[in-house]
Amino acid sequence: MNRSHRHGAGSGCLGTMEVKSKFGAEFRRFSLERSKPGKFEEFYGLLQHVHKIPNVDVLIGYADIHGDLLPINNDDNYHKAVSTANPLLRIFIQKKGCVLEHSKNNVRMHCLKTL
């Protein structure tokens, strides 16, 4: 998977796709080669690296063109998310055991407390 972080990577390049990911209150932006997105496991590791959460098990979702939140958990739906991203792939990351509330203009995460 060819990745270039925001530094100097413009979204105007052919084949480059901007990714905006959100984990908690933190947003990150980076670019991917649309024609070589790699595998889901690589993308999962990249998101953990970018958000500095290497040992946190997370669930990944994306907002489709209709604003619906869909899961990314294998190569097939990862490639579907990449192919439909126009111009931006919006990624939402949540810890396992947490729930995302998604409305058209807002995404909030609620975590279940364990005793």
PDB file of N, CA and C in Angstrom:
ATOM      1  N   MET A   1       0.858  -1.156   0.000  1.00  0.00           N
ATOM      2  CA  MET A   1       0.000   0.000   0.000  1.00  0.00           C
ATOM      3  C   MET A   1       0.905   1.220   0.000  1.00  0.00           C
ATOM      4  N   ASN A   2       0.699   2.053  -0.957  1.00  0.00           N
ATOM      5  CA  ASN A   2       1.475   3.285  -1.035  1.00  0.00           C
ATOM      6  C   ASN A   2       0.736   4.352  -0.265  1.00  0.00           C
ATOM      7  N   ARG A   3       1.389   4.927   0.726  1.00  0.00           N
ATOM      8  CA  ARG A   3       0.745   5.975   1.510  1.00  0.00           C
ATOM      9  C   ARG A   3       1.657   7.167   1.571  1.00  0.00           C
ATOM     10  N   SER A   4       1.061   8.314   1.543  1.00  0.00           N
ATOM     11  CA  SER A   4       1.834   9.527   1.757  1.00  0.00           C
ATOM     12  C   SER A   4       1.013  10.412   2.667  1.00  0.00           C
ATOM     13  N   HIS A   5       1.608  10.781   3.772  1.00  0.00           N
ATOM     14  CA  HIS A   5       0.881  11.625   4.706  1.00  0.00           C
ATOM     15  C   HIS A   5       0.720  13.005   4.104  1.00  0.00           C
ATOM     16  N   ARG A   6      -0.042  13.817   4.689  1.00  0.00           N
ATOM     17  CA  ARG A   6      -0.481  15.105   4.191  1.00  0.00           C
ATOM     18  C   ARG A   6       0.670  15.995   3.712  1.00  0.00           C
ATOM     19  N   HIS A   7       1.851  15.795   4.208  1.00  0.00           N
ATOM     20  CA  HIS A   7       2.984  16.656   3.882  1.00  0.00           C
ATOM     21  C   HIS A   7       3.320  16.564   2.409  1.00  0.00           C
ATOM     22  N   GLY A   8       2.932  17.577   1.655  1.00  0.00           N
ATOM     23  CA  GLY A   8       3.304  17.640   0.251  1.00  0.00           C
ATOM     24  C   GLY A   8       2.461  16.788  -0.659  1.00  0.00           C
ATOM     25  N   ALA A   9       1.564  15.999  -0.150  1.00  0.00           N
ATOM     26  CA  ALA A   9       0.732  15.153  -0.998  1.00  0.00           C
ATOM     27  C   ALA A   9      -0.557  15.885  -1.287  1.00  0.00           C
ATOM     28  N   GLY A  10      -0.782  16.217  -2.518  1.00  0.00           N
ATOM     29  CA  GLY A  10      -1.998  16.945  -2.866  1.00  0.00           C
ATOM     30  C   GLY A  10      -3.069  16.017  -3.365  1.00  0.00           C
ATOM     31  N   SER A  11      -4.304  16.358  -3.100  1.00  0.00           N
ATOM     32  CA  SER A  11      -5.400  15.520  -3.561  1.00  0.00           C
ATOM     33  C   SER A  11      -5.674  15.738  -5.035  1.00  0.00           C
ATOM     34  N   GLY A  12      -4.992  16.717  -5.656  1.00  0.00           N
ATOM     35  CA  GLY A  12      -5.208  16.968  -7.060  1.00  0.00           C
ATOM     36  C   GLY A  12      -4.501  15.982  -7.962  1.00  0.00           C
ATOM     37  N   CYS A  13      -3.611  15.182  -7.443  1.00  0.00           N
ATOM     38  CA  CYS A  13      -2.886  14.209  -8.249  1.00  0.00           C
ATOM     39  C   CYS A  13      -3.835  13.097  -8.685  1.00  0.00           C
ATOM     40  N   LEU A  14      -3.710  12.685  -9.929  1.00  0.00           N
ATOM     41  CA  LEU A  14      -4.535  11.577 -10.398  1.00  0.00           C
ATOM     42  C   LEU A  14      -4.178  10.317  -9.635  1.00  0.00           C
ATOM     43  N   GLY A  15      -5.194   9.600  -9.202  1.00  0.00           N
ATOM     44  CA  GLY A  15      -4.969   8.354  -8.499  1.00  0.00           C
ATOM     45  C   GLY A  15      -4.775   8.514  -7.006  1.00  0.00           C
ATOM     46  N   THR A  16      -4.680   9.738  -6.509  1.00  0.00           N
ATOM     47  CA  THR A  16      -4.511   9.964  -5.078  1.00  0.00           C
ATOM     48  C   THR A  16      -5.865  10.266  -4.452  1.00  0.00           C
ATOM     49  N   MET A  17      -6.102   9.632  -3.314  1.00  0.00           N
ATOM     50  CA  MET A  17      -7.366   9.810  -2.613  1.00  0.00           C
ATOM     51  C   MET A  17      -7.066  10.329  -1.212  1.00  0.00           C
ATOM     52  N   GLU A  18      -7.772  11.352  -0.802  1.00  0.00           N
ATOM     53  CA  GLU A  18      -7.633  11.875   0.550  1.00  0.00           C
ATOM     54  C   GLU A  18      -8.481  11.047   1.510  1.00  0.00           C
ATOM     55  N   VAL A  19      -7.932  10.765   2.682  1.00  0.00           N
ATOM     56  CA  VAL A  19      -8.633  10.036   3.739  1.00  0.00           C
ATOM     57  C   VAL A  19      -8.694  10.952   4.953  1.00  0.00           C
ATOM     58  N   LYS A  20      -9.881  11.059   5.533  1.00  0.00           N
ATOM     59  CA  LYS A  20     -10.056  11.813   6.768  1.00  0.00           C
ATOM     60  C   LYS A  20     -10.601  10.831   7.790  1.00  0.00           C
ATOM     61  N   SER A  21      -9.814  10.550   8.822  1.00  0.00           N
ATOM     62  CA  SER A  21     -10.241   9.567   9.819  1.00  0.00           C
ATOM     63  C   SER A  21     -10.475  10.254  11.158  1.00  0.00           C
ATOM     64  N   LYS A  22     -11.433   9.711  11.899  1.00  0.00           N
ATOM     65  CA  LYS A  22     -11.803  10.271  13.200  1.00  0.00           C
ATOM     66  C   LYS A  22     -11.801   9.162  14.231  1.00  0.00           C
ATOM     67  N   PHE A  23     -11.075   9.391  15.322  1.00  0.00           N
ATOM     68  CA  PHE A  23     -11.082   8.493  16.472  1.00  0.00           C
ATOM     69  C   PHE A  23     -11.274   9.361  17.706  1.00  0.00           C
ATOM     70  N   GLY A  24     -12.386   9.189  18.390  1.00  0.00           N
ATOM     71  CA  GLY A  24     -12.702  10.063  19.508  1.00  0.00           C
ATOM     72  C   GLY A  24     -12.867  11.480  18.998  1.00  0.00           C
ATOM     73  N   ALA A  25     -12.115  12.408  19.575  1.00  0.00           N
ATOM     74  CA  ALA A  25     -12.188  13.808  19.149  1.00  0.00           C
ATOM     75  C   ALA A  25     -11.065  14.169  18.187  1.00  0.00           C
ATOM     76  N   GLU A  26     -10.232  13.182  17.814  1.00  0.00           N
ATOM     77  CA  GLU A  26      -9.083  13.456  16.962  1.00  0.00           C
ATOM     78  C   GLU A  26      -9.354  13.119  15.507  1.00  0.00           C
ATOM     79  N   PHE A  27      -8.997  14.039  14.640  1.00  0.00           N
ATOM     80  CA  PHE A  27      -9.079  13.833  13.200  1.00  0.00           C
ATOM     81  C   PHE A  27      -7.674  13.727  12.642  1.00  0.00           C
ATOM     82  N   ARG A  28      -7.503  12.886  11.639  1.00  0.00           N
ATOM     83  CA  ARG A  28      -6.241  12.785  10.914  1.00  0.00           C
ATOM     84  C   ARG A  28      -6.563  12.776   9.424  1.00  0.00           C
ATOM     85  N   ARG A  29      -5.663  13.348   8.634  1.00  0.00           N
ATOM     86  CA  ARG A  29      -5.794  13.331   7.177  1.00  0.00           C
ATOM     87  C   ARG A  29      -4.524  12.762   6.576  1.00  0.00           C
ATOM     88  N   PHE A  30      -4.704  11.952   5.546  1.00  0.00           N
ATOM     89  CA  PHE A  30      -3.576  11.414   4.807  1.00  0.00           C
ATOM     90  C   PHE A  30      -4.064  11.002   3.433  1.00  0.00           C
ATOM     91  N   SER A  31      -3.138  10.637   2.569  1.00  0.00           N
ATOM     92  CA  SER A  31      -3.478  10.271   1.199  1.00  0.00           C
ATOM     93  C   SER A  31      -3.130   8.819   0.936  1.00  0.00           C
ATOM     94  N   LEU A  32      -3.884   8.204   0.034  1.00  0.00           N
ATOM     95  CA  LEU A  32      -3.614   6.849  -0.443  1.00  0.00           C
ATOM     96  C   LEU A  32      -3.663   6.840  -1.961  1.00  0.00           C
ATOM     97  N   GLU A  33      -2.943   5.933  -2.551  1.00  0.00           N
ATOM     98  CA  GLU A  33      -3.050   5.717  -3.986  1.00  0.00           C
ATOM     99  C   GLU A  33      -4.337   4.932  -4.236  1.00  0.00           C
ATOM    100  N   ARG A  34      -5.267   5.527  -4.944  1.00  0.00           N
ATOM    101  CA  ARG A  34      -6.552   4.872  -5.204  1.00  0.00           C
ATOM    102  C   ARG A  34      -6.376   3.563  -5.986  1.00  0.00           C
ATOM    103  N   SER A  35      -5.394   3.541  -6.907  1.00  0.00           N
ATOM    104  CA  SER A  35      -5.196   2.351  -7.738  1.00  0.00           C
ATOM    105  C   SER A  35      -4.455   1.238  -6.996  1.00  0.00           C
ATOM    106  N   LYS A  36      -3.816   1.556  -5.854  1.00  0.00           N
ATOM    107  CA  LYS A  36      -3.080   0.563  -5.067  1.00  0.00           C
ATOM    108  C   LYS A  36      -3.400   0.728  -3.587  1.00  0.00           C
ATOM    109  N   PRO A  37      -4.650   0.481  -3.200  1.00  0.00           N
ATOM    110  CA  PRO A  37      -5.008   0.728  -1.805  1.00  0.00           C
ATOM    111  C   PRO A  37      -4.459  -0.305  -0.833  1.00  0.00           C
ATOM    112  N   GLY A  38      -4.010  -1.456  -1.334  1.00  0.00           N
ATOM    113  CA  GLY A  38      -3.508  -2.501  -0.449  1.00  0.00           C
ATOM    114  C   GLY A  38      -4.638  -3.333   0.125  1.00  0.00           C
ATOM    115  N   LYS A  39      -4.331  -4.036   1.188  1.00  0.00           N
ATOM    116  CA  LYS A  39      -5.300  -4.925   1.835  1.00  0.00           C
ATOM    117  C   LYS A  39      -5.861  -4.262   3.092  1.00  0.00           C
ATOM    118  N   PHE A  40      -6.992  -4.790   3.534  1.00  0.00           N
ATOM    119  CA  PHE A  40      -7.656  -4.254   4.717  1.00  0.00           C
ATOM    120  C   PHE A  40      -6.731  -4.273   5.928  1.00  0.00           C
ATOM    121  N   GLU A  41      -6.016  -5.365   6.158  1.00  0.00           N
ATOM    122  CA  GLU A  41      -5.142  -5.469   7.332  1.00  0.00           C
ATOM    123  C   GLU A  41      -4.071  -4.381   7.330  1.00  0.00           C
ATOM    124  N   GLU A  42      -3.549  -4.046   6.154  1.00  0.00           N
ATOM    125  CA  GLU A  42      -2.564  -2.962   6.056  1.00  0.00           C
ATOM    126  C   GLU A  42      -3.207  -1.618   6.407  1.00  0.00           C
ATOM    127  N   PHE A  43      -4.418  -1.392   5.903  1.00  0.00           N
ATOM    128  CA  PHE A  43      -5.143  -0.163   6.184  1.00  0.00           C
ATOM    129  C   PHE A  43      -5.458  -0.057   7.673  1.00  0.00           C
ATOM    130  N   TYR A  44      -5.870  -1.166   8.276  1.00  0.00           N
ATOM    131  CA  TYR A  44      -6.161  -1.227   9.711  1.00  0.00           C
ATOM    132  C   TYR A  44      -4.917  -0.823  10.503  1.00  0.00           C
ATOM    133  N   GLY A  45      -3.771  -1.382  10.160  1.00  0.00           N
ATOM    134  CA  GLY A  45      -2.517  -1.046  10.825  1.00  0.00           C
ATOM    135  C   GLY A  45      -2.120   0.406  10.611  1.00  0.00           C
ATOM    136  N   LEU A  46      -2.358   0.920   9.400  1.00  0.00           N
ATOM    137  CA  LEU A  46      -2.061   2.321   9.109  1.00  0.00           C
ATOM    138  C   LEU A  46      -2.896   3.244   9.992  1.00  0.00           C
ATOM    139  N   LEU A  47      -4.187   2.941  10.132  1.00  0.00           N
ATOM    140  CA  LEU A  47      -5.046   3.769  10.987  1.00  0.00           C
ATOM    141  C   LEU A  47      -4.584   3.722  12.443  1.00  0.00           C
ATOM    142  N   GLN A  48      -4.189   2.537  12.926  1.00  0.00           N
ATOM    143  CA  GLN A  48      -3.679   2.439  14.290  1.00  0.00           C
ATOM    144  C   GLN A  48      -2.404   3.272  14.450  1.00  0.00           C
ATOM    145  N   HIS A  49      -1.548   3.245  13.439  1.00  0.00           N
ATOM    146  CA  HIS A  49      -0.306   4.016  13.479  1.00  0.00           C
ATOM    147  C   HIS A  49      -0.580   5.523  13.438  1.00  0.00           C
ATOM    148  N   VAL A  50      -1.416   5.950  12.519  1.00  0.00           N
ATOM    149  CA  VAL A  50      -1.713   7.376  12.349  1.00  0.00           C
ATOM    150  C   VAL A  50      -2.356   7.961  13.610  1.00  0.00           C
ATOM    151  N   HIS A  51      -3.207   7.179  14.263  1.00  0.00           N
ATOM    152  CA  HIS A  51      -3.889   7.660  15.467  1.00  0.00           C
ATOM    153  C   HIS A  51      -3.134   7.311  16.751  1.00  0.00           C
ATOM    154  N   LYS A  52      -1.993   6.648  16.605  1.00  0.00           N
ATOM    155  CA  LYS A  52      -1.155   6.276  17.752  1.00  0.00           C
ATOM    156  C   LYS A  52      -1.916   5.405  18.751  1.00  0.00           C
ATOM    157  N   ILE A  53      -2.586   4.371  18.226  1.00  0.00           N
ATOM    158  CA  ILE A  53      -3.335   3.417  19.055  1.00  0.00           C
ATOM    159  C   ILE A  53      -2.961   1.985  18.636  1.00  0.00           C
ATOM    160  N   PRO A  54      -1.662   1.629  18.703  1.00  0.00           N
ATOM    161  CA  PRO A  54      -1.217   0.357  18.136  1.00  0.00           C
ATOM    162  C   PRO A  54      -1.783  -0.890  18.809  1.00  0.00           C
ATOM    163  N   ASN A  55      -2.141  -0.829  20.069  1.00  0.00           N
ATOM    164  CA  ASN A  55      -2.624  -2.020  20.772  1.00  0.00           C
ATOM    165  C   ASN A  55      -4.102  -1.950  21.112  1.00  0.00           C
ATOM    166  N   VAL A  56      -4.828  -1.103  20.400  1.00  0.00           N
ATOM    167  CA  VAL A  56      -6.254  -0.934  20.653  1.00  0.00           C
ATOM    168  C   VAL A  56      -7.038  -1.648  19.551  1.00  0.00           C
ATOM    169  N   ASP A  57      -7.914  -2.577  19.944  1.00  0.00           N
ATOM    170  CA  ASP A  57      -8.789  -3.229  18.968  1.00  0.00           C
ATOM    171  C   ASP A  57      -9.915  -2.270  18.621  1.00  0.00           C
ATOM    172  N   VAL A  58     -10.068  -2.019  17.329  1.00  0.00           N
ATOM    173  CA  VAL A  58     -11.051  -1.047  16.885  1.00  0.00           C
ATOM    174  C   VAL A  58     -11.936  -1.614  15.782  1.00  0.00           C
ATOM    175  N   LEU A  59     -13.059  -0.952  15.598  1.00  0.00           N
ATOM    176  CA  LEU A  59     -13.946  -1.191  14.474  1.00  0.00           C
ATOM    177  C   LEU A  59     -13.846   0.015  13.563  1.00  0.00           C
ATOM    178  N   ILE A  60     -13.900  -0.227  12.262  1.00  0.00           N
ATOM    179  CA  ILE A  60     -13.738   0.841  11.290  1.00  0.00           C
ATOM    180  C   ILE A  60     -14.990   0.930  10.436  1.00  0.00           C
ATOM    181  N   GLY A  61     -15.454   2.137  10.214  1.00  0.00           N
ATOM    182  CA  GLY A  61     -16.586   2.371   9.342  1.00  0.00           C
ATOM    183  C   GLY A  61     -16.298   3.548   8.435  1.00  0.00           C
ATOM    184  N   TYR A  62     -17.115   3.681   7.401  1.00  0.00           N
ATOM    185  CA  TYR A  62     -16.972   4.821   6.491  1.00  0.00           C
ATOM    186  C   TYR A  62     -18.341   5.352   6.126  1.00  0.00           C
ATOM    187  N   ALA A  63     -18.378   6.620   5.774  1.00  0.00           N
ATOM    188  CA  ALA A  63     -19.616   7.250   5.336  1.00  0.00           C
ATOM    189  C   ALA A  63     -19.709   7.084   3.825  1.00  0.00           C
ATOM    190  N   ASP A  64     -20.778   6.436   3.359  1.00  0.00           N
ATOM    191  CA  ASP A  64     -20.952   6.258   1.913  1.00  0.00           C
ATOM    192  C   ASP A  64     -21.519   7.529   1.295  1.00  0.00           C
ATOM    193  N   ILE A  65     -21.790   7.496  -0.006  1.00  0.00           N
ATOM    194  CA  ILE A  65     -22.240   8.704  -0.711  1.00  0.00           C
ATOM    195  C   ILE A  65     -23.596   9.206  -0.223  1.00  0.00           C
ATOM    196  N   HIS A  66     -24.358   8.349   0.455  1.00  0.00           N
ATOM    197  CA  HIS A  66     -25.665   8.740   0.988  1.00  0.00           C
ATOM    198  C   HIS A  66     -25.571   9.192   2.441  1.00  0.00           C
ATOM    199  N   GLY A  67     -24.356   9.138   3.020  1.00  0.00           N
ATOM    200  CA  GLY A  67     -24.177   9.522   4.415  1.00  0.00           C
ATOM    201  C   GLY A  67     -24.386   8.388   5.390  1.00  0.00           C
ATOM    202  N   ASP A  68     -24.639   7.176   4.893  1.00  0.00           N
ATOM    203  CA  ASP A  68     -24.810   6.020   5.775  1.00  0.00           C
ATOM    204  C   ASP A  68     -23.460   5.540   6.266  1.00  0.00           C
ATOM    205  N   LEU A  69     -23.410   5.062   7.496  1.00  0.00           N
ATOM    206  CA  LEU A  69     -22.185   4.535   8.077  1.00  0.00           C
ATOM    207  C   LEU A  69     -22.128   3.036   7.818  1.00  0.00           C
ATOM    208  N   LEU A  70     -21.121   2.607   7.050  1.00  0.00           N
ATOM    209  CA  LEU A  70     -20.965   1.200   6.680  1.00  0.00           C
ATOM    210  C   LEU A  70     -19.650   0.666   7.228  1.00  0.00           C
ATOM    211  N   PRO A  71     -19.601  -0.637   7.549  1.00  0.00           N
ATOM    212  CA  PRO A  71     -18.385  -1.194   8.138  1.00  0.00           C
ATOM    213  C   PRO A  71     -17.289  -1.458   7.100  1.00  0.00           C
ATOM    214  N   ILE A  72     -16.065  -1.381   7.569  1.00  0.00           N
ATOM    215  CA  ILE A  72     -14.909  -1.864   6.804  1.00  0.00           C
ATOM    216  C   ILE A  72     -14.241  -2.903   7.691  1.00  0.00           C
ATOM    217  N   ASN A  73     -14.355  -4.171   7.302  1.00  0.00           N
ATOM    218  CA  ASN A  73     -13.775  -5.241   8.112  1.00  0.00           C
ATOM    219  C   ASN A  73     -13.167  -6.370   7.285  1.00  0.00           C
ATOM    220  N   ASN A  74     -13.077  -6.161   5.969  1.00  0.00           N
ATOM    221  CA  ASN A  74     -12.422  -7.146   5.110  1.00  0.00           C
ATOM    222  C   ASN A  74     -11.999  -6.460   3.815  1.00  0.00           C
ATOM    223  N   ASP A  75     -11.274  -7.194   2.979  1.00  0.00           N
ATOM    224  CA  ASP A  75     -10.770  -6.608   1.734  1.00  0.00           C
ATOM    225  C   ASP A  75     -11.887  -6.135   0.821  1.00  0.00           C
ATOM    226  N   ASP A  76     -12.986  -6.885   0.742  1.00  0.00           N
ATOM    227  CA  ASP A  76     -14.072  -6.530  -0.173  1.00  0.00           C
ATOM    228  C   ASP A  76     -14.710  -5.187   0.169  1.00  0.00           C
ATOM    229  N   ASN A  77     -15.121  -5.014   1.442  1.00  0.00           N
ATOM    230  CA  ASN A  77     -15.776  -3.739   1.736  1.00  0.00           C
ATOM    231  C   ASN A  77     -14.764  -2.601   1.871  1.00  0.00           C
ATOM    232  N   TYR A  78     -13.488  -2.901   2.132  1.00  0.00           N
ATOM    233  CA  TYR A  78     -12.456  -1.862   2.090  1.00  0.00           C
ATOM    234  C   TYR A  78     -12.297  -1.343   0.661  1.00  0.00           C
ATOM    235  N   HIS A  79     -12.219  -2.251  -0.313  1.00  0.00           N
ATOM    236  CA  HIS A  79     -12.072  -1.830  -1.702  1.00  0.00           C
ATOM    237  C   HIS A  79     -13.331  -1.117  -2.215  1.00  0.00           C
ATOM    238  N   LYS A  80     -14.497  -1.518  -1.722  1.00  0.00           N
ATOM    239  CA  LYS A  80     -15.735  -0.817  -2.076  1.00  0.00           C
ATOM    240  C   LYS A  80     -15.700   0.616  -1.549  1.00  0.00           C
ATOM    241  N   ALA A  81     -15.229   0.793  -0.311  1.00  0.00           N
ATOM    242  CA  ALA A  81     -15.124   2.139   0.267  1.00  0.00           C
ATOM    243  C   ALA A  81     -14.166   3.001  -0.547  1.00  0.00           C
ATOM    244  N   VAL A  82     -13.027   2.434  -0.941  1.00  0.00           N
ATOM    245  CA  VAL A  82     -12.040   3.180  -1.734  1.00  0.00           C
ATOM    246  C   VAL A  82     -12.622   3.550  -3.092  1.00  0.00           C
ATOM    247  N   SER A  83     -13.309   2.613  -3.721  1.00  0.00           N
ATOM    248  CA  SER A  83     -13.816   2.862  -5.073  1.00  0.00           C
ATOM    249  C   SER A  83     -14.952   3.884  -5.099  1.00  0.00           C
ATOM    250  N   THR A  84     -15.677   4.035  -3.999  1.00  0.00           N
ATOM    251  CA  THR A  84     -16.806   4.969  -3.978  1.00  0.00           C
ATOM    252  C   THR A  84     -16.446   6.319  -3.359  1.00  0.00           C
ATOM    253  N   ALA A  85     -15.255   6.457  -2.797  1.00  0.00           N
ATOM    254  CA  ALA A  85     -14.842   7.718  -2.177  1.00  0.00           C
ATOM    255  C   ALA A  85     -14.680   8.789  -3.250  1.00  0.00           C
ATOM    256  N   ASN A  86     -15.406   9.881  -3.084  1.00  0.00           N
ATOM    257  CA  ASN A  86     -15.321  10.944  -4.073  1.00  0.00           C
ATOM    258  C   ASN A  86     -15.667  12.268  -3.422  1.00  0.00           C
ATOM    259  N   PRO A  87     -14.797  13.144  -3.199  1.00  0.00           N
ATOM    260  CA  PRO A  87     -13.350  13.030  -3.407  1.00  0.00           C
ATOM    261  C   PRO A  87     -12.621  12.542  -2.166  1.00  0.00           C
ATOM    262  N   LEU A  88     -13.361  12.361  -1.061  1.00  0.00           N
ATOM    263  CA  LEU A  88     -12.762  12.096   0.242  1.00  0.00           C
ATOM    264  C   LEU A  88     -13.324  10.813   0.823  1.00  0.00           C
ATOM    265  N   LEU A  89     -12.474   9.989   1.426  1.00  0.00           N
ATOM    266  CA  LEU A  89     -12.930   8.811   2.163  1.00  0.00           C
ATOM    267  C   LEU A  89     -12.992   9.194   3.635  1.00  0.00           C
ATOM    268  N   ARG A  90     -14.207   9.225   4.189  1.00  0.00           N
ATOM    269  CA  ARG A  90     -14.403   9.597   5.596  1.00  0.00           C
ATOM    270  C   ARG A  90     -14.469   8.319   6.427  1.00  0.00           C
ATOM    271  N   ILE A  91     -13.507   8.175   7.345  1.00  0.00           N
ATOM    272  CA  ILE A  91     -13.368   6.985   8.169  1.00  0.00           C
ATOM    273  C   ILE A  91     -13.709   7.323   9.613  1.00  0.00           C
ATOM    274  N   PHE A  92     -14.468   6.448  10.260  1.00  0.00           N
ATOM    275  CA  PHE A  92     -14.805   6.581  11.671  1.00  0.00           C
ATOM    276  C   PHE A  92     -14.291   5.346  12.389  1.00  0.00           C
ATOM    277  N   ILE A  93     -13.504   5.564  13.436  1.00  0.00           N
ATOM    278  CA  ILE A  93     -12.883   4.478  14.188  1.00  0.00           C
ATOM    279  C   ILE A  93     -13.482   4.475  15.582  1.00  0.00           C
ATOM    280  N   GLN A  94     -13.829   3.292  16.058  1.00  0.00           N
ATOM    281  CA  GLN A  94     -14.356   3.182  17.411  1.00  0.00           C
ATOM    282  C   GLN A  94     -13.711   1.999  18.095  1.00  0.00           C
ATOM    283  N   LYS A  95     -13.520   2.124  19.407  1.00  0.00           N
ATOM    284  CA  LYS A  95     -13.029   0.994  20.187  1.00  0.00           C
ATOM    285  C   LYS A  95     -14.093  -0.084  20.178  1.00  0.00           C
ATOM    286  N   LYS A  96     -13.654  -1.336  20.185  1.00  0.00           N
ATOM    287  CA  LYS A  96     -14.627  -2.421  20.329  1.00  0.00           C
ATOM    288  C   LYS A  96     -15.306  -2.254  21.680  1.00  0.00           C
ATOM    289  N   GLY A  97     -16.615  -2.445  21.727  1.00  0.00           N
ATOM    290  CA  GLY A  97     -17.381  -2.230  22.934  1.00  0.00           C
ATOM    291  C   GLY A  97     -17.995  -0.845  23.002  1.00  0.00           C
ATOM    292  N   CYS A  98     -17.764  -0.041  21.969  1.00  0.00           N
ATOM    293  CA  CYS A  98     -18.348   1.301  21.887  1.00  0.00           C
ATOM    294  C   CYS A  98     -19.339   1.337  20.731  1.00  0.00           C
ATOM    295  N   VAL A  99     -20.237   2.290  20.780  1.00  0.00           N
ATOM    296  CA  VAL A  99     -21.265   2.440  19.764  1.00  0.00           C
ATOM    297  C   VAL A  99     -21.175   3.828  19.171  1.00  0.00           C
ATOM    298  N   LEU A 100     -21.258   3.904  17.839  1.00  0.00           N
ATOM    299  CA  LEU A 100     -21.292   5.198  17.170  1.00  0.00           C
ATOM    300  C   LEU A 100     -22.730   5.595  16.915  1.00  0.00           C
ATOM    301  N   GLU A 101     -23.068   6.831  17.261  1.00  0.00           N
ATOM    302  CA  GLU A 101     -24.349   7.409  16.869  1.00  0.00           C
ATOM    303  C   GLU A 101     -24.061   8.296  15.678  1.00  0.00           C
ATOM    304  N   HIS A 102     -24.734   8.035  14.579  1.00  0.00           N
ATOM    305  CA  HIS A 102     -24.429   8.748  13.338  1.00  0.00           C
ATOM    306  C   HIS A 102     -25.669   9.446  12.830  1.00  0.00           C
ATOM    307  N   SER A 103     -25.543  10.736  12.628  1.00  0.00           N
ATOM    308  CA  SER A 103     -26.581  11.494  11.945  1.00  0.00           C
ATOM    309  C   SER A 103     -25.911  12.187  10.778  1.00  0.00           C
ATOM    310  N   LYS A 104     -26.666  12.854   9.959  1.00  0.00           N
ATOM    311  CA  LYS A 104     -26.101  13.452   8.745  1.00  0.00           C
ATOM    312  C   LYS A 104     -24.937  14.391   9.025  1.00  0.00           C
ATOM    313  N   ASN A 105     -24.994  15.152  10.093  1.00  0.00           N
ATOM    314  CA  ASN A 105     -23.960  16.149  10.364  1.00  0.00           C
ATOM    315  C   ASN A 105     -23.114  15.851  11.591  1.00  0.00           C
ATOM    316  N   ASN A 106     -23.310  14.707  12.247  1.00  0.00           N
ATOM    317  CA  ASN A 106     -22.625  14.474  13.505  1.00  0.00           C
ATOM    318  C   ASN A 106     -22.397  12.987  13.744  1.00  0.00           C
ATOM    319  N   VAL A 107     -21.241  12.654  14.308  1.00  0.00           N
ATOM    320  CA  VAL A 107     -20.953  11.294  14.742  1.00  0.00           C
ATOM    321  C   VAL A 107     -20.447  11.377  16.171  1.00  0.00           C
ATOM    322  N   ARG A 108     -21.079  10.622  17.075  1.00  0.00           N
ATOM    323  CA  ARG A 108     -20.663  10.596  18.481  1.00  0.00           C
ATOM    324  C   ARG A 108     -20.448   9.152  18.902  1.00  0.00           C
ATOM    325  N   MET A 109     -19.444   8.929  19.771  1.00  0.00           N
ATOM    326  CA  MET A 109     -19.143   7.595  20.248  1.00  0.00           C
ATOM    327  C   MET A 109     -19.520   7.481  21.721  1.00  0.00           C
ATOM    328  N   HIS A 110     -20.214   6.399  22.073  1.00  0.00           N
ATOM    329  CA  HIS A 110     -20.563   6.100  23.445  1.00  0.00           C
ATOM    330  C   HIS A 110     -19.977   4.742  23.785  1.00  0.00           C
ATOM    331  N   CYS A 111     -19.193   4.673  24.856  1.00  0.00           N
ATOM    332  CA  CYS A 111     -18.560   3.417  25.261  1.00  0.00           C
ATOM    333  C   CYS A 111     -19.280   2.833  26.460  1.00  0.00           C
ATOM    334  N   LEU A 112     -19.406   1.507  26.436  1.00  0.00           N
ATOM    335  CA  LEU A 112     -20.005   0.803  27.544  1.00  0.00           C
ATOM    336  C   LEU A 112     -18.955   0.661  28.636  1.00  0.00           C
ATOM    337  N   LYS A 113     -19.320   0.944  29.856  1.00  0.00           N
ATOM    338  CA  LYS A 113     -18.370   0.820  30.967  1.00  0.00           C
ATOM    339  C   LYS A 113     -18.401  -0.605  31.482  1.00  0.00           C
ATOM    340  N   THR A 114     -17.207  -1.133  31.744  1.00  0.00           N
ATOM    341  CA  THR A 114     -17.108  -2.479  32.299  1.00  0.00           C
ATOM    342  C   THR A 114     -16.837  -2.372  33.782  1.00  0.00           C
ATOM    343  N   LEU A 115     -17.390  -3.313  34.550  1.00  0.00           N
ATOM    344  CA  LEU A 115     -17.201  -3.300  36.007  1.00  0.00           C
ATOM    345  C   LEU A 115     -16.037  -4.155  36.389  1.00  0.00           C
TER     346      LEU A 115
END
